[in-house]
């Protein structure tokens, strides 16, 4: 049967080399979240300007 699924057994050393799943590290996620929060604050400040209550 040509074009079918081919299964190859791999050893533990090859399994250890496989990396998958989340490409984004936790620090990258934190940086992206901080940028989103900052930009949303800037947009809110532009659309709804209020004086500081100080």
PDB file of N, CA and C in Angstrom:
ATOM      1  N   UNK A   1       0.844  -1.179   0.000  1.00  0.00           N
ATOM      2  CA  UNK A   1       0.000   0.000   0.000  1.00  0.00           C
ATOM      3  C   UNK A   1       0.892   1.246   0.000  1.00  0.00           C
ATOM      4  N   UNK A   2       0.906   1.963  -1.089  1.00  0.00           N
ATOM      5  CA  UNK A   2       1.724   3.159  -1.190  1.00  0.00           C
ATOM      6  C   UNK A   2       0.964   4.369  -0.669  1.00  0.00           C
ATOM      7  N   UNK A   3       1.710   5.334  -0.112  1.00  0.00           N
ATOM      8  CA  UNK A   3       1.089   6.552   0.377  1.00  0.00           C
ATOM      9  C   UNK A   3       0.422   6.399   1.724  1.00  0.00           C
ATOM     10  N   UNK A   4       0.588   5.267   2.364  1.00  0.00           N
ATOM     11  CA  UNK A   4      -0.026   5.055   3.663  1.00  0.00           C
ATOM     12  C   UNK A   4       0.799   5.655   4.778  1.00  0.00           C
ATOM     13  N   UNK A   5       0.383   5.408   5.987  1.00  0.00           N
ATOM     14  CA  UNK A   5       1.084   5.917   7.154  1.00  0.00           C
ATOM     15  C   UNK A   5       2.267   5.016   7.447  1.00  0.00           C
ATOM     16  N   UNK A   6       3.422   5.627   7.612  1.00  0.00           N
ATOM     17  CA  UNK A   6       4.627   4.873   7.949  1.00  0.00           C
ATOM     18  C   UNK A   6       4.969   5.154   9.397  1.00  0.00           C
ATOM     19  N   UNK A   7       5.144   4.118  10.168  1.00  0.00           N
ATOM     20  CA  UNK A   7       5.460   4.249  11.591  1.00  0.00           C
ATOM     21  C   UNK A   7       6.877   3.741  11.805  1.00  0.00           C
ATOM     22  N   UNK A   8       7.678   4.558  12.466  1.00  0.00           N
ATOM     23  CA  UNK A   8       9.050   4.182  12.766  1.00  0.00           C
ATOM     24  C   UNK A   8       9.242   4.251  14.275  1.00  0.00           C
ATOM     25  N   UNK A   9       9.811   3.227  14.832  1.00  0.00           N
ATOM     26  CA  UNK A   9      10.093   3.219  16.264  1.00  0.00           C
ATOM     27  C   UNK A   9      11.386   4.000  16.498  1.00  0.00           C
ATOM     28  N   UNK A  10      11.345   4.936  17.438  1.00  0.00           N
ATOM     29  CA  UNK A  10      12.536   5.718  17.740  1.00  0.00           C
ATOM     30  C   UNK A  10      12.977   5.430  19.168  1.00  0.00           C
ATOM     31  N   UNK A  11      14.255   5.619  19.406  1.00  0.00           N
ATOM     32  CA  UNK A  11      14.783   5.328  20.736  1.00  0.00           C
ATOM     33  C   UNK A  11      14.665   6.546  21.649  1.00  0.00           C
ATOM     34  N   UNK A  12      15.039   6.355  22.887  1.00  0.00           N
ATOM     35  CA  UNK A  12      14.883   7.396  23.906  1.00  0.00           C
ATOM     36  C   UNK A  12      15.718   8.641  23.588  1.00  0.00           C
ATOM     37  N   UNK A  13      16.887   8.455  22.992  1.00  0.00           N
ATOM     38  CA  UNK A  13      17.743   9.596  22.649  1.00  0.00           C
ATOM     39  C   UNK A  13      17.049  10.507  21.632  1.00  0.00           C
ATOM     40  N   UNK A  14      16.415   9.914  20.632  1.00  0.00           N
ATOM     41  CA  UNK A  14      15.681  10.708  19.651  1.00  0.00           C
ATOM     42  C   UNK A  14      14.453  11.363  20.280  1.00  0.00           C
ATOM     43  N   UNK A  15      13.813  10.693  21.209  1.00  0.00           N
ATOM     44  CA  UNK A  15      12.656  11.269  21.896  1.00  0.00           C
ATOM     45  C   UNK A  15      13.049  12.498  22.699  1.00  0.00           C
ATOM     46  N   UNK A  16      14.225  12.457  23.317  1.00  0.00           N
ATOM     47  CA  UNK A  16      14.690  13.586  24.126  1.00  0.00           C
ATOM     48  C   UNK A  16      14.989  14.811  23.260  1.00  0.00           C
ATOM     49  N   UNK A  17      15.304  14.608  21.987  1.00  0.00           N
ATOM     50  CA  UNK A  17      15.619  15.713  21.096  1.00  0.00           C
ATOM     51  C   UNK A  17      14.367  16.430  20.596  1.00  0.00           C
ATOM     52  N   UNK A  18      13.218  15.784  20.691  1.00  0.00           N
ATOM     53  CA  UNK A  18      11.984  16.365  20.157  1.00  0.00           C
ATOM     54  C   UNK A  18      11.505  17.474  21.074  1.00  0.00           C
ATOM     55  N   UNK A  19      11.250  18.625  20.476  1.00  0.00           N
ATOM     56  CA  UNK A  19      10.701  19.748  21.224  1.00  0.00           C
ATOM     57  C   UNK A  19       9.408  20.149  20.526  1.00  0.00           C
ATOM     58  N   UNK A  20       8.392  20.371  21.299  1.00  0.00           N
ATOM     59  CA  UNK A  20       7.126  20.757  20.700  1.00  0.00           C
ATOM     60  C   UNK A  20       6.276  21.491  21.707  1.00  0.00           C
ATOM     61  N   UNK A  21       5.123  21.911  21.267  1.00  0.00           N
ATOM     62  CA  UNK A  21       4.215  22.606  22.174  1.00  0.00           C
ATOM     63  C   UNK A  21       4.440  24.095  22.135  1.00  0.00           C
ATOM     64  N   UNK A  22       4.484  24.692  23.286  1.00  0.00           N
ATOM     65  CA  UNK A  22       4.527  26.151  23.397  1.00  0.00           C
ATOM     66  C   UNK A  22       5.847  26.695  22.883  1.00  0.00           C
ATOM     67  N   UNK A  23       5.767  27.528  21.890  1.00  0.00           N
ATOM     68  CA  UNK A  23       6.950  28.212  21.378  1.00  0.00           C
ATOM     69  C   UNK A  23       7.204  29.455  22.216  1.00  0.00           C
ATOM     70  N   UNK A  24       6.133  30.001  22.770  1.00  0.00           N
ATOM     71  CA  UNK A  24       6.218  31.230  23.550  1.00  0.00           C
ATOM     72  C   UNK A  24       6.595  30.876  24.992  1.00  0.00           C
ATOM     73  N   UNK A  25       7.687  31.454  25.459  1.00  0.00           N
ATOM     74  CA  UNK A  25       8.081  31.222  26.844  1.00  0.00           C
ATOM     75  C   UNK A  25       7.227  32.076  27.773  1.00  0.00           C
ATOM     76  N   UNK A  26       7.336  31.860  29.044  1.00  0.00           N
ATOM     77  CA  UNK A  26       6.542  32.625  30.011  1.00  0.00           C
ATOM     78  C   UNK A  26       6.920  34.095  29.989  1.00  0.00           C
ATOM     79  N   UNK A  27       8.199  34.396  29.770  1.00  0.00           N
ATOM     80  CA  UNK A  27       8.630  35.799  29.727  1.00  0.00           C
ATOM     81  C   UNK A  27       8.078  36.503  28.497  1.00  0.00           C
ATOM     82  N   UNK A  28       8.021  35.807  27.392  1.00  0.00           N
ATOM     83  CA  UNK A  28       7.440  36.386  26.188  1.00  0.00           C
ATOM     84  C   UNK A  28       5.959  36.678  26.405  1.00  0.00           C
ATOM     85  N   UNK A  29       5.274  35.771  27.082  1.00  0.00           N
ATOM     86  CA  UNK A  29       3.860  35.993  27.397  1.00  0.00           C
ATOM     87  C   UNK A  29       3.659  37.194  28.300  1.00  0.00           C
ATOM     88  N   UNK A  30       4.537  37.359  29.286  1.00  0.00           N
ATOM     89  CA  UNK A  30       4.439  38.503  30.199  1.00  0.00           C
ATOM     90  C   UNK A  30       4.681  39.804  29.449  1.00  0.00           C
ATOM     91  N   UNK A  31       5.671  39.815  28.566  1.00  0.00           N
ATOM     92  CA  UNK A  31       5.973  41.022  27.794  1.00  0.00           C
ATOM     93  C   UNK A  31       4.806  41.380  26.876  1.00  0.00           C
ATOM     94  N   UNK A  32       4.228  40.394  26.209  1.00  0.00           N
ATOM     95  CA  UNK A  32       3.089  40.644  25.329  1.00  0.00           C
ATOM     96  C   UNK A  32       1.908  41.177  26.131  1.00  0.00           C
ATOM     97  N   UNK A  33       1.636  40.590  27.296  1.00  0.00           N
ATOM     98  CA  UNK A  33       0.544  41.069  28.139  1.00  0.00           C
ATOM     99  C   UNK A  33       0.784  42.500  28.604  1.00  0.00           C
ATOM    100  N   UNK A  34       2.021  42.830  28.964  1.00  0.00           N
ATOM    101  CA  UNK A  34       2.341  44.189  29.406  1.00  0.00           C
ATOM    102  C   UNK A  34       2.138  45.195  28.273  1.00  0.00           C
ATOM    103  N   UNK A  35       2.523  44.829  27.073  1.00  0.00           N
ATOM    104  CA  UNK A  35       2.338  45.718  25.921  1.00  0.00           C
ATOM    105  C   UNK A  35       0.851  45.929  25.650  1.00  0.00           C
ATOM    106  N   UNK A  36       0.063  44.870  25.719  1.00  0.00           N
ATOM    107  CA  UNK A  36      -1.379  44.988  25.489  1.00  0.00           C
ATOM    108  C   UNK A  36      -2.017  45.888  26.539  1.00  0.00           C
ATOM    109  N   UNK A  37      -1.642  45.725  27.803  1.00  0.00           N
ATOM    110  CA  UNK A  37      -2.202  46.558  28.873  1.00  0.00           C
ATOM    111  C   UNK A  37      -1.799  48.016  28.675  1.00  0.00           C
ATOM    112  N   UNK A  38      -0.548  48.259  28.304  1.00  0.00           N
ATOM    113  CA  UNK A  38      -0.082  49.627  28.086  1.00  0.00           C
ATOM    114  C   UNK A  38      -0.838  50.288  26.935  1.00  0.00           C
ATOM    115  N   UNK A  39      -0.960  49.581  25.827  1.00  0.00           N
ATOM    116  CA  UNK A  39      -1.651  50.140  24.666  1.00  0.00           C
ATOM    117  C   UNK A  39      -3.124  50.386  24.972  1.00  0.00           C
ATOM    118  N   UNK A  40      -3.764  49.474  25.718  1.00  0.00           N
ATOM    119  CA  UNK A  40      -5.165  49.702  26.073  1.00  0.00           C
ATOM    120  C   UNK A  40      -5.302  50.914  26.990  1.00  0.00           C
ATOM    121  N   UNK A  41      -4.337  51.161  27.860  1.00  0.00           N
ATOM    122  CA  UNK A  41      -4.354  52.347  28.710  1.00  0.00           C
ATOM    123  C   UNK A  41      -4.183  53.622  27.904  1.00  0.00           C
ATOM    124  N   UNK A  42      -3.315  53.584  26.904  1.00  0.00           N
ATOM    125  CA  UNK A  42      -3.123  54.746  26.045  1.00  0.00           C
ATOM    126  C   UNK A  42      -4.404  55.039  25.265  1.00  0.00           C
ATOM    127  N   UNK A  43      -5.019  54.001  24.721  1.00  0.00           N
ATOM    128  CA  UNK A  43      -6.262  54.186  23.965  1.00  0.00           C
ATOM    129  C   UNK A  43      -7.367  54.720  24.866  1.00  0.00           C
ATOM    130  N   UNK A  44      -7.463  54.187  26.075  1.00  0.00           N
ATOM    131  CA  UNK A  44      -8.481  54.688  27.009  1.00  0.00           C
ATOM    132  C   UNK A  44      -8.210  56.147  27.375  1.00  0.00           C
ATOM    133  N   UNK A  45      -6.965  56.516  27.557  1.00  0.00           N
ATOM    134  CA  UNK A  45      -6.620  57.899  27.872  1.00  0.00           C
ATOM    135  C   UNK A  45      -6.954  58.853  26.743  1.00  0.00           C
ATOM    136  N   UNK A  46      -6.827  58.394  25.523  1.00  0.00           N
ATOM    137  CA  UNK A  46      -7.153  59.239  24.371  1.00  0.00           C
ATOM    138  C   UNK A  46      -8.671  59.375  24.229  1.00  0.00           C
ATOM    139  N   UNK A  47      -9.399  58.268  24.391  1.00  0.00           N
ATOM    140  CA  UNK A  47     -10.846  58.299  24.158  1.00  0.00           C
ATOM    141  C   UNK A  47     -11.627  58.813  25.355  1.00  0.00           C
ATOM    142  N   UNK A  48     -11.068  58.751  26.552  1.00  0.00           N
ATOM    143  CA  UNK A  48     -11.787  59.168  27.749  1.00  0.00           C
ATOM    144  C   UNK A  48     -10.843  59.960  28.658  1.00  0.00           C
ATOM    145  N   UNK A  49     -10.453  61.159  28.261  1.00  0.00           N
ATOM    146  CA  UNK A  49      -9.491  61.918  29.061  1.00  0.00           C
ATOM    147  C   UNK A  49     -10.122  62.459  30.347  1.00  0.00           C
ATOM    148  N   UNK A  50      -9.473  62.248  31.443  1.00  0.00           N
ATOM    149  CA  UNK A  50      -9.902  62.772  32.745  1.00  0.00           C
ATOM    150  C   UNK A  50      -8.690  63.358  33.436  1.00  0.00           C
ATOM    151  N   UNK A  51      -8.932  64.309  34.312  1.00  0.00           N
ATOM    152  CA  UNK A  51      -7.832  64.874  35.081  1.00  0.00           C
ATOM    153  C   UNK A  51      -7.442  63.923  36.194  1.00  0.00           C
ATOM    154  N   UNK A  52      -6.226  64.014  36.620  1.00  0.00           N
ATOM    155  CA  UNK A  52      -5.760  63.202  37.733  1.00  0.00           C
ATOM    156  C   UNK A  52      -6.423  63.706  39.014  1.00  0.00           C
ATOM    157  N   UNK A  53      -6.800  62.792  39.880  1.00  0.00           N
ATOM    158  CA  UNK A  53      -7.430  63.150  41.154  1.00  0.00           C
ATOM    159  C   UNK A  53      -6.362  63.177  42.236  1.00  0.00           C
ATOM    160  N   UNK A  54      -5.535  64.170  42.196  1.00  0.00           N
ATOM    161  CA  UNK A  54      -4.424  64.180  43.117  1.00  0.00           C
ATOM    162  C   UNK A  54      -4.313  65.392  43.964  1.00  0.00           C
TER     163      UNK A  54
END
